[in-house]
Amino acid sequence: MTDIPVAADTGDGGPARLTGGDSQKSLESDSQKLPATDSRKLLVGLDRDALTAELLGFGLEAFRARQLWHWIYHRGATDFSVMTTLAKPVRERLAEAYVIRRPEIARDLKSVDGTRKWLLRMADGQEIESVHIPEEDRGTLCVSSQVGCTLTCRFCHTGTQRLVRNLTAAEILDQLLTARDALDEWPAPPDGRLISNIVLMGMGEPLFNFDAVATAVKIIMDGDGLAISKRRITLSTSGVVPMMHRCGAELGVNLAVSLHAVTDELRDRLVPINRKYPLAQLINACRTYPGVTNARRITFEYVMLKGVNDSPADARALIKLLRGIPAKINLIPFNPWPGAPFECSTPQTVQSFGDMVNAAGYASPVRQPRGQDIMAACGQLKSTSQRSRAVVAEILAEKDAALEA
């Protein structure tokens, strides 16, 4: 593991309490606001229409929005002075009223396998993690959507945190912009990108912060800027059923469903949001997801937990549950974290489970753990320091009660 020297980590900044799934907007960030000594407005995170309206209101022509868009999202500029297609007086005016900034990198870790994890500190002091996973044929950036998480998936480290707040569209975008800075990928090449794919699988439940996620994703997909195709973007949900159709209809991105169990009884325990949206509702939402075809399958994520969900009977029930849905099943060996209540299934068990699912006609690759030495693997992301088991139990009980309210 390589720890690249950056600013010191100062902790979690005092998380707020969960207020429930229907009160997500009350958790919106104030971190787009700059410190009191700086009254300039942040331009990152404004979509094309909002950016155009902002500049028109500032007294500039509409075409300036196209110029700024190019510099911010195609060339990665953070300083107006380098934007040489704008006249110098315009650059000076913009610099007086607006800012393009990045979050502070509180920690930058690189795994022995090339995976890289950034702990990013937002303007209000809250912290999130994002991870870059390089592979032979792609480079994937795993992006967070919340500080902490609404949910309490029992196998997930992030689920042991309280939800602090939603990220803004700017903060979601900042993870990609910061990664491109670190990887020196401005402007991005048309082929062979170090970051070619985006997965919204980091901290938080993306569909509980849909408006900000949608704004950020649409900016990421814009062909004149970051230009990452919707076919290379995957949104992972634990099963926020009412938002799934809207996600497909408005964004058209790939869908991944954090499944992990084939009965309501077990899924209620492993993925407590199942108590609100049980399997029958979730599977129906998958069957009707806009755009799902054999060419664009839904990915079902299934973490392999020893003696919990890994039996031949579980494999048969999984095949039956998903019958008729164009699907791929990602088998994920459980990635341990301090105090975790589960063990990973044995390699032989995982192989046998996968063979049964494959024989039924479903691709079932085993996701190879990446970045385990820097706690960057699936289910390991967490921005706060390790808490005692008693505190974790208190947080989980509190979040479960809020979910059921």
Protein backbone atom coordinates (compact mmCIF):
# COMPACT_ATOMS: atom_id res chain seq x y z
CA MET A 1 0.00 0.00 0.00
CA THR A 2 1.25 3.48 -0.88
CA ASP A 3 0.06 6.43 1.17
CA ILE A 4 0.56 9.54 -0.96
CA PRO A 5 1.21 12.48 1.42
CA VAL A 6 -1.67 14.95 1.60
CA ALA A 7 -3.47 17.01 4.23
CA ALA A 8 -4.08 15.40 7.61
CA ASP A 9 -7.38 13.63 8.33
CA THR A 10 -9.38 15.43 11.02
CA GLY A 11 -12.33 13.05 11.44
CA ASP A 12 -16.02 12.95 10.57
CA GLY A 13 -17.11 16.49 11.38
CA GLY A 14 -20.07 15.63 13.59
CA PRO A 15 -22.72 13.74 11.64
CA ALA A 16 -26.40 14.66 11.84
CA ARG A 17 -29.14 12.22 12.62
CA LEU A 18 -31.16 10.36 10.01
CA THR A 19 -34.50 11.96 9.27
CA GLY A 20 -36.09 9.32 7.06
CA GLY A 21 -36.39 8.49 3.37
CA ASP A 22 -39.08 11.09 2.65
CA SER A 23 -37.02 13.91 4.13
CA GLN A 24 -33.95 13.64 1.92
CA LYS A 25 -34.18 17.22 0.70
CA SER A 26 -33.73 18.45 4.24
CA LEU A 27 -30.29 16.90 4.12
CA GLU A 28 -29.09 18.88 1.09
CA SER A 29 -25.61 20.29 1.45
CA ASP A 30 -24.71 23.89 2.10
CA SER A 31 -21.18 23.10 0.97
CA GLN A 32 -21.60 24.79 -2.41
CA LYS A 33 -21.39 27.97 -0.36
CA LEU A 34 -17.86 29.23 -0.01
CA PRO A 35 -16.37 30.47 3.26
CA ALA A 36 -17.79 33.74 4.52
CA THR A 37 -14.69 35.56 3.30
CA ASP A 38 -15.37 34.47 -0.29
CA SER A 39 -18.69 35.52 -1.80
CA ARG A 40 -17.99 34.05 -5.24
CA LYS A 41 -20.41 31.49 -6.66
CA LEU A 42 -19.40 27.98 -7.68
CA LEU A 43 -19.94 27.15 -11.37
CA VAL A 44 -19.30 23.40 -11.22
CA GLY A 45 -22.56 21.46 -11.05
CA LEU A 46 -24.71 23.86 -13.08
CA ASP A 47 -26.21 22.13 -16.10
CA ARG A 48 -26.11 23.84 -19.51
CA ASP A 49 -29.38 25.71 -19.05
CA ALA A 50 -28.51 26.85 -15.54
CA LEU A 51 -25.03 27.94 -16.59
CA THR A 52 -26.42 29.88 -19.53
CA ALA A 53 -29.04 31.57 -17.33
CA GLU A 54 -26.39 32.43 -14.74
CA LEU A 55 -24.15 34.13 -17.29
CA LEU A 56 -27.03 35.97 -18.95
CA GLY A 57 -27.99 37.30 -15.54
CA PHE A 58 -24.37 38.39 -15.09
CA GLY A 59 -24.56 40.37 -18.31
CA LEU A 60 -22.61 38.02 -20.59
CA GLU A 61 -23.66 36.48 -23.89
CA ALA A 62 -25.14 32.98 -24.06
CA PHE A 63 -22.21 31.64 -26.09
CA ARG A 64 -19.93 32.25 -23.10
CA ALA A 65 -21.62 29.26 -21.44
CA ARG A 66 -20.39 27.00 -24.24
CA GLN A 67 -16.89 28.35 -23.83
CA LEU A 68 -16.90 27.85 -20.07
CA TRP A 69 -18.37 24.36 -20.44
CA HIS A 70 -15.48 23.39 -22.71
CA TRP A 71 -12.85 24.71 -20.30
CA ILE A 72 -14.42 23.22 -17.16
CA TYR A 73 -15.45 19.78 -18.41
CA HIS A 74 -13.24 19.12 -21.45
CA ARG A 75 -9.98 20.71 -20.39
CA GLY A 76 -10.36 20.57 -16.60
CA ALA A 77 -9.51 24.21 -16.00
CA THR A 78 -9.86 25.63 -12.49
CA ASP A 79 -8.39 29.07 -13.23
CA PHE A 80 -10.18 31.58 -15.44
CA SER A 81 -6.84 33.06 -16.51
CA VAL A 82 -6.03 30.03 -18.68
CA MET A 83 -9.29 30.27 -20.63
CA THR A 84 -7.70 31.97 -23.61
CA THR A 85 -10.77 31.81 -25.86
CA LEU A 86 -12.36 34.41 -23.59
CA ALA A 87 -11.21 38.00 -23.73
CA LYS A 88 -9.06 39.06 -20.78
CA PRO A 89 -11.64 41.54 -19.39
CA VAL A 90 -14.27 38.77 -19.41
CA ARG A 91 -11.91 36.40 -17.58
CA GLU A 92 -11.20 39.05 -14.97
CA ARG A 93 -14.90 39.73 -14.42
CA LEU A 94 -15.64 36.02 -14.07
CA ALA A 95 -12.81 35.53 -11.58
CA GLU A 96 -14.23 38.30 -9.39
CA ALA A 97 -17.73 36.75 -9.23
CA TYR A 98 -17.24 32.99 -9.69
CA VAL A 99 -14.97 30.14 -8.70
CA ILE A 100 -14.11 26.66 -10.00
CA ARG A 101 -12.62 24.66 -7.14
CA ARG A 102 -11.87 21.09 -6.15
CA PRO A 103 -12.38 19.44 -2.76
CA GLU A 104 -9.35 18.97 -0.55
CA ILE A 105 -7.70 15.57 -0.86
CA ALA A 106 -7.42 14.52 2.79
CA ARG A 107 -5.83 11.18 1.92
CA ASP A 108 -4.64 9.49 -1.27
CA LEU A 109 -4.00 5.76 -1.06
CA LYS A 110 -2.72 3.40 -3.75
CA SER A 111 -3.11 -0.37 -3.49
CA VAL A 112 -0.55 -2.93 -4.55
CA ASP A 113 -2.99 -3.92 -7.33
CA GLY A 114 -3.14 -0.37 -8.74
CA THR A 115 -6.49 0.57 -7.17
CA ARG A 116 -6.47 4.12 -5.86
CA LYS A 117 -8.71 5.60 -3.17
CA TRP A 118 -9.20 9.26 -2.36
CA LEU A 119 -10.64 10.61 0.88
CA LEU A 120 -12.08 13.96 -0.16
CA ARG A 121 -12.93 16.74 2.27
CA MET A 122 -15.82 18.97 1.21
CA ALA A 123 -16.02 22.71 1.88
CA ASP A 124 -18.03 22.13 5.07
CA GLY A 125 -15.48 19.62 6.43
CA GLN A 126 -17.48 16.47 5.66
CA GLU A 127 -15.62 13.62 3.95
CA ILE A 128 -16.36 11.02 1.28
CA GLU A 129 -14.42 8.34 -0.54
CA SER A 130 -14.10 7.51 -4.21
CA VAL A 131 -12.09 4.73 -5.84
CA HIS A 132 -10.40 4.22 -9.22
CA ILE A 133 -10.07 0.62 -10.38
CA PRO A 134 -7.77 0.13 -13.40
CA GLU A 135 -8.26 -2.95 -15.57
CA GLU A 136 -6.87 -4.10 -18.91
CA ASP A 137 -9.91 -3.06 -20.95
CA ARG A 138 -11.30 -0.22 -18.83
CA GLY A 139 -10.80 2.09 -15.91
CA THR A 140 -13.72 2.40 -13.49
CA LEU A 141 -14.35 5.19 -11.02
CA CYS A 142 -16.59 4.29 -8.07
CA VAL A 143 -18.45 7.43 -6.97
CA SER A 144 -20.27 8.29 -3.73
CA SER A 145 -23.65 10.05 -3.59
CA GLN A 146 -24.06 10.75 0.15
CA VAL A 147 -21.93 11.45 3.21
CA GLY A 148 -22.60 8.28 5.14
CA CYS A 149 -25.65 6.28 4.10
CA THR A 150 -29.38 6.12 4.73
CA LEU A 151 -29.36 2.33 4.73
CA THR A 152 -28.13 -0.39 7.05
CA CYS A 153 -27.06 -3.26 4.80
CA ARG A 154 -25.52 -5.54 7.41
CA PHE A 155 -22.51 -6.61 5.31
CA CYS A 156 -21.52 -3.06 4.31
CA HIS A 157 -19.06 -0.91 6.27
CA THR A 158 -20.65 2.34 5.10
CA GLY A 159 -23.96 1.16 6.56
CA THR A 160 -22.50 1.46 10.05
CA GLN A 161 -22.40 5.26 9.62
CA ARG A 162 -25.22 7.68 10.18
CA LEU A 163 -26.34 9.59 7.14
CA VAL A 164 -24.92 13.11 7.40
CA ARG A 165 -26.28 14.65 4.22
CA ASN A 166 -26.72 14.30 0.49
CA LEU A 167 -23.95 15.38 -1.84
CA THR A 168 -24.61 18.19 -4.27
CA ALA A 169 -24.29 17.68 -8.02
CA ALA A 170 -21.01 19.59 -7.81
CA GLU A 171 -19.65 17.26 -5.13
CA ILE A 172 -20.60 14.19 -7.17
CA LEU A 173 -18.89 15.67 -10.22
CA ASP A 174 -15.88 16.73 -8.15
CA GLN A 175 -15.00 13.09 -7.59
CA LEU A 176 -14.54 12.56 -11.33
CA LEU A 177 -12.82 15.92 -11.85
CA THR A 178 -10.41 15.26 -8.98
CA ALA A 179 -9.63 11.77 -10.25
CA ARG A 180 -8.87 13.15 -13.70
CA ASP A 181 -6.58 15.73 -12.11
CA ALA A 182 -4.73 13.02 -10.20
CA LEU A 183 -4.43 10.77 -13.26
CA ASP A 184 -3.38 13.68 -15.52
CA GLU A 185 -6.22 12.98 -17.97
CA TRP A 186 -7.13 16.43 -19.32
CA PRO A 187 -8.37 16.52 -21.95
CA ALA A 188 -9.46 12.89 -21.98
CA PRO A 189 -8.37 10.90 -25.05
CA PRO A 190 -11.21 9.51 -27.20
CA ASP A 191 -9.92 5.95 -26.68
CA GLY A 192 -7.89 4.27 -23.99
CA ARG A 193 -9.14 6.46 -21.17
CA LEU A 194 -7.86 5.83 -17.69
CA ILE A 195 -11.42 6.60 -16.54
CA SER A 196 -13.80 5.05 -19.07
CA ASN A 197 -16.61 3.87 -16.78
CA ILE A 198 -18.51 5.33 -13.83
CA VAL A 199 -20.28 3.28 -11.16
CA LEU A 200 -22.47 4.95 -8.55
CA MET A 201 -21.62 2.28 -5.99
CA GLY A 202 -19.74 4.29 -3.39
CA MET A 203 -21.04 5.71 -0.14
CA GLY A 204 -24.80 6.28 -0.03
CA GLU A 205 -27.97 5.25 -1.89
CA PRO A 206 -28.07 7.17 -5.21
CA LEU A 207 -31.85 6.98 -5.59
CA PHE A 208 -32.32 8.77 -2.27
CA ASN A 209 -30.42 11.71 -3.80
CA PHE A 210 -31.80 11.42 -7.31
CA ASP A 211 -32.03 15.08 -8.33
CA ALA A 212 -28.36 15.80 -7.63
CA VAL A 213 -27.28 12.45 -9.08
CA ALA A 214 -29.31 13.06 -12.25
CA THR A 215 -27.84 16.53 -12.75
CA ALA A 216 -24.30 15.21 -12.29
CA VAL A 217 -24.85 12.20 -14.57
CA LYS A 218 -26.30 14.34 -17.36
CA ILE A 219 -23.24 16.59 -17.18
CA ILE A 220 -20.97 13.53 -17.25
CA MET A 221 -22.77 12.21 -20.34
CA ASP A 222 -22.62 15.51 -22.26
CA GLY A 223 -20.62 14.92 -25.43
CA ASP A 224 -18.96 18.34 -25.40
CA GLY A 225 -17.41 17.84 -21.99
CA LEU A 226 -16.69 14.73 -19.95
CA ALA A 227 -18.41 12.64 -22.64
CA ILE A 228 -18.87 9.31 -20.87
CA SER A 229 -21.66 7.36 -22.54
CA LYS A 230 -24.72 6.24 -20.57
CA ARG A 231 -23.77 2.69 -21.56
CA ARG A 232 -20.64 3.11 -19.47
CA ILE A 233 -22.43 4.43 -16.39
CA THR A 234 -24.02 2.11 -13.83
CA LEU A 235 -26.22 3.15 -10.94
CA SER A 236 -26.50 0.71 -8.06
CA THR A 237 -29.53 0.69 -5.79
CA SER A 238 -30.50 -1.38 -2.79
CA GLY A 239 -34.07 -1.31 -4.03
CA VAL A 240 -35.69 2.14 -3.86
CA VAL A 241 -38.55 0.85 -6.00
CA PRO A 242 -40.48 4.11 -6.59
CA MET A 243 -37.42 5.78 -8.14
CA MET A 244 -36.21 2.96 -10.39
CA HIS A 245 -38.48 3.64 -13.37
CA ARG A 246 -37.65 7.34 -13.25
CA CYS A 247 -33.95 6.52 -13.27
CA GLY A 248 -34.31 4.42 -16.41
CA ALA A 249 -36.62 6.84 -18.17
CA GLU A 250 -34.64 10.03 -17.43
CA LEU A 251 -31.06 8.80 -17.45
CA GLY A 252 -31.06 5.52 -19.37
CA VAL A 253 -28.00 4.29 -17.46
CA ASN A 254 -27.27 0.69 -16.59
CA LEU A 255 -28.95 -0.58 -13.43
CA ALA A 256 -27.36 -2.71 -10.75
CA VAL A 257 -29.51 -4.06 -7.93
CA SER A 258 -27.99 -4.94 -4.58
CA LEU A 259 -29.93 -8.19 -4.07
CA HIS A 260 -27.98 -10.56 -1.77
CA ALA A 261 -30.91 -12.74 -0.70
CA VAL A 262 -33.73 -14.69 -2.34
CA THR A 263 -36.33 -14.61 0.43
CA ASP A 264 -37.97 -11.67 2.16
CA GLU A 265 -37.09 -13.15 5.54
CA LEU A 266 -33.35 -13.10 4.86
CA ARG A 267 -33.32 -9.90 2.81
CA ASP A 268 -35.22 -8.09 5.58
CA ARG A 269 -32.21 -8.85 7.76
CA LEU A 270 -29.39 -8.26 5.28
CA VAL A 271 -30.89 -5.32 3.35
CA PRO A 272 -33.49 -3.75 5.67
CA ILE A 273 -34.99 -1.50 2.97
CA ASN A 274 -36.63 -4.76 1.85
CA ARG A 275 -39.10 -4.28 4.71
CA LYS A 276 -40.46 -1.22 2.86
CA TYR A 277 -40.07 -2.55 -0.70
CA PRO A 278 -40.14 -6.37 -0.57
CA LEU A 279 -38.83 -8.69 -3.23
CA ALA A 280 -42.03 -8.94 -5.25
CA GLN A 281 -42.08 -5.15 -5.75
CA LEU A 282 -38.37 -5.00 -6.45
CA ILE A 283 -38.42 -7.78 -9.05
CA ASN A 284 -41.42 -6.25 -10.79
CA ALA A 285 -39.57 -2.91 -11.00
CA CYS A 286 -36.65 -4.74 -12.59
CA ARG A 287 -38.89 -6.45 -15.15
CA THR A 288 -40.30 -3.07 -16.20
CA TYR A 289 -37.05 -1.07 -16.06
CA PRO A 290 -36.98 1.15 -19.19
CA GLY A 291 -34.62 -0.14 -21.86
CA VAL A 292 -33.84 -3.51 -20.31
CA THR A 293 -33.10 -6.08 -23.04
CA ASN A 294 -30.80 -9.01 -23.61
CA ALA A 295 -28.29 -6.46 -24.90
CA ARG A 296 -28.74 -4.24 -21.80
CA ARG A 297 -29.15 -6.54 -18.88
CA ILE A 298 -29.73 -5.66 -15.25
CA THR A 299 -26.85 -6.60 -12.98
CA PHE A 300 -27.81 -8.26 -9.72
CA GLU A 301 -25.15 -7.98 -7.03
CA TYR A 302 -24.94 -10.92 -4.67
CA VAL A 303 -22.42 -10.87 -1.85
CA MET A 304 -21.38 -14.38 -0.82
CA LEU A 305 -21.79 -14.87 2.92
CA LYS A 306 -20.63 -18.13 4.46
CA GLY A 307 -23.53 -20.24 5.69
CA VAL A 308 -26.02 -17.41 5.12
CA ASN A 309 -26.97 -17.19 1.43
CA ASP A 310 -24.57 -19.49 -0.39
CA SER A 311 -26.26 -22.91 -0.47
CA PRO A 312 -27.34 -24.86 -3.58
CA ALA A 313 -30.93 -24.18 -2.51
CA ASP A 314 -30.19 -20.45 -2.55
CA ALA A 315 -28.76 -20.76 -6.07
CA ARG A 316 -31.87 -22.57 -7.31
CA ALA A 317 -34.15 -19.99 -5.68
CA LEU A 318 -32.14 -17.16 -7.27
CA ILE A 319 -32.56 -18.70 -10.72
CA LYS A 320 -36.29 -19.04 -10.18
CA LEU A 321 -36.63 -15.49 -8.81
CA LEU A 322 -34.97 -13.88 -11.83
CA ARG A 323 -36.55 -16.06 -14.50
CA GLY A 324 -37.41 -14.00 -17.58
CA ILE A 325 -35.36 -10.93 -16.62
CA PRO A 326 -32.39 -10.14 -18.89
CA ALA A 327 -29.79 -10.32 -16.16
CA LYS A 328 -26.21 -10.81 -15.13
CA ILE A 329 -25.39 -11.89 -11.58
CA ASN A 330 -22.21 -10.54 -10.00
CA LEU A 331 -21.03 -12.84 -7.25
CA ILE A 332 -19.08 -10.76 -4.74
CA PRO A 333 -16.83 -12.48 -2.20
CA PHE A 334 -17.52 -10.75 1.11
CA ASN A 335 -14.84 -8.18 1.88
CA PRO A 336 -14.24 -8.13 5.64
CA TRP A 337 -13.91 -4.98 7.72
CA PRO A 338 -13.20 -4.48 11.45
CA GLY A 339 -16.06 -5.91 13.50
CA ALA A 340 -17.90 -7.39 10.52
CA PRO A 341 -20.50 -10.01 11.55
CA PHE A 342 -19.99 -12.29 8.52
CA GLU A 343 -17.37 -14.45 6.85
CA CYS A 344 -16.77 -14.93 3.15
CA SER A 345 -17.95 -18.13 1.49
CA THR A 346 -15.17 -20.51 0.55
CA PRO A 347 -13.82 -20.34 -3.01
CA GLN A 348 -15.25 -23.80 -3.66
CA THR A 349 -18.71 -22.71 -2.52
CA VAL A 350 -18.58 -19.58 -4.67
CA GLN A 351 -17.50 -21.65 -7.67
CA SER A 352 -20.25 -24.20 -7.17
CA PHE A 353 -22.88 -21.48 -6.74
CA GLY A 354 -21.69 -19.75 -9.90
CA ASP A 355 -21.67 -22.97 -11.89
CA MET A 356 -25.33 -23.58 -11.04
CA VAL A 357 -26.33 -20.05 -12.05
CA ASN A 358 -24.28 -20.24 -15.25
CA ALA A 359 -25.87 -23.55 -16.19
CA ALA A 360 -29.27 -21.83 -15.99
CA GLY A 361 -28.16 -19.33 -18.62
CA TYR A 362 -27.13 -16.38 -16.45
CA ALA A 363 -23.63 -14.99 -16.65
CA SER A 364 -22.28 -15.02 -13.11
CA PRO A 365 -18.75 -13.65 -12.95
CA VAL A 366 -17.03 -13.61 -9.59
CA ARG A 367 -15.94 -10.07 -8.83
CA GLN A 368 -12.30 -10.17 -7.89
CA PRO A 369 -11.66 -8.06 -4.79
CA ARG A 370 -9.60 -4.97 -5.55
CA GLY A 371 -7.90 -2.59 -3.15
CA GLN A 372 -8.47 -4.68 -0.04
CA ASP A 373 -5.20 -3.50 1.48
CA ILE A 374 -6.48 0.10 1.45
CA MET A 375 -10.09 -0.75 2.43
CA ALA A 376 -11.28 0.18 -1.07
CA ALA A 377 -13.11 -3.02 -1.97
CA CYS A 378 -16.87 -3.38 -2.34
CA GLY A 379 -18.63 -2.67 0.97
CA GLN A 380 -15.54 -1.30 2.70
CA LEU A 381 -15.84 2.43 2.09
CA LYS A 382 -16.21 4.52 5.19
CA SER A 383 -15.11 8.07 5.90
CA THR A 384 -15.23 8.12 9.68
CA SER A 385 -13.01 6.50 12.26
CA GLN A 386 -13.86 3.06 13.61
CA ARG A 387 -16.50 3.09 16.32
CA SER A 388 -17.20 0.64 19.12
CA ARG A 389 -19.67 -2.18 18.52
CA ALA A 390 -22.10 -0.60 20.99
CA VAL A 391 -22.13 2.66 19.03
CA VAL A 392 -22.52 0.81 15.73
CA ALA A 393 -25.47 -1.14 17.17
CA GLU A 394 -27.06 2.12 18.31
CA ILE A 395 -26.66 3.66 14.86
CA LEU A 396 -28.10 0.60 13.09
CA ALA A 397 -31.12 0.47 15.40
CA GLU A 398 -31.74 4.19 14.93
CA LYS A 399 -31.56 3.93 11.13
CA ASP A 400 -33.79 0.85 11.01
CA ALA A 401 -36.44 2.63 13.07
CA ALA A 402 -36.33 5.64 10.77
CA LEU A 403 -36.65 3.42 7.70
CA GLU A 404 -39.77 1.76 9.07
CA ALA A 405 -41.38 5.04 10.19
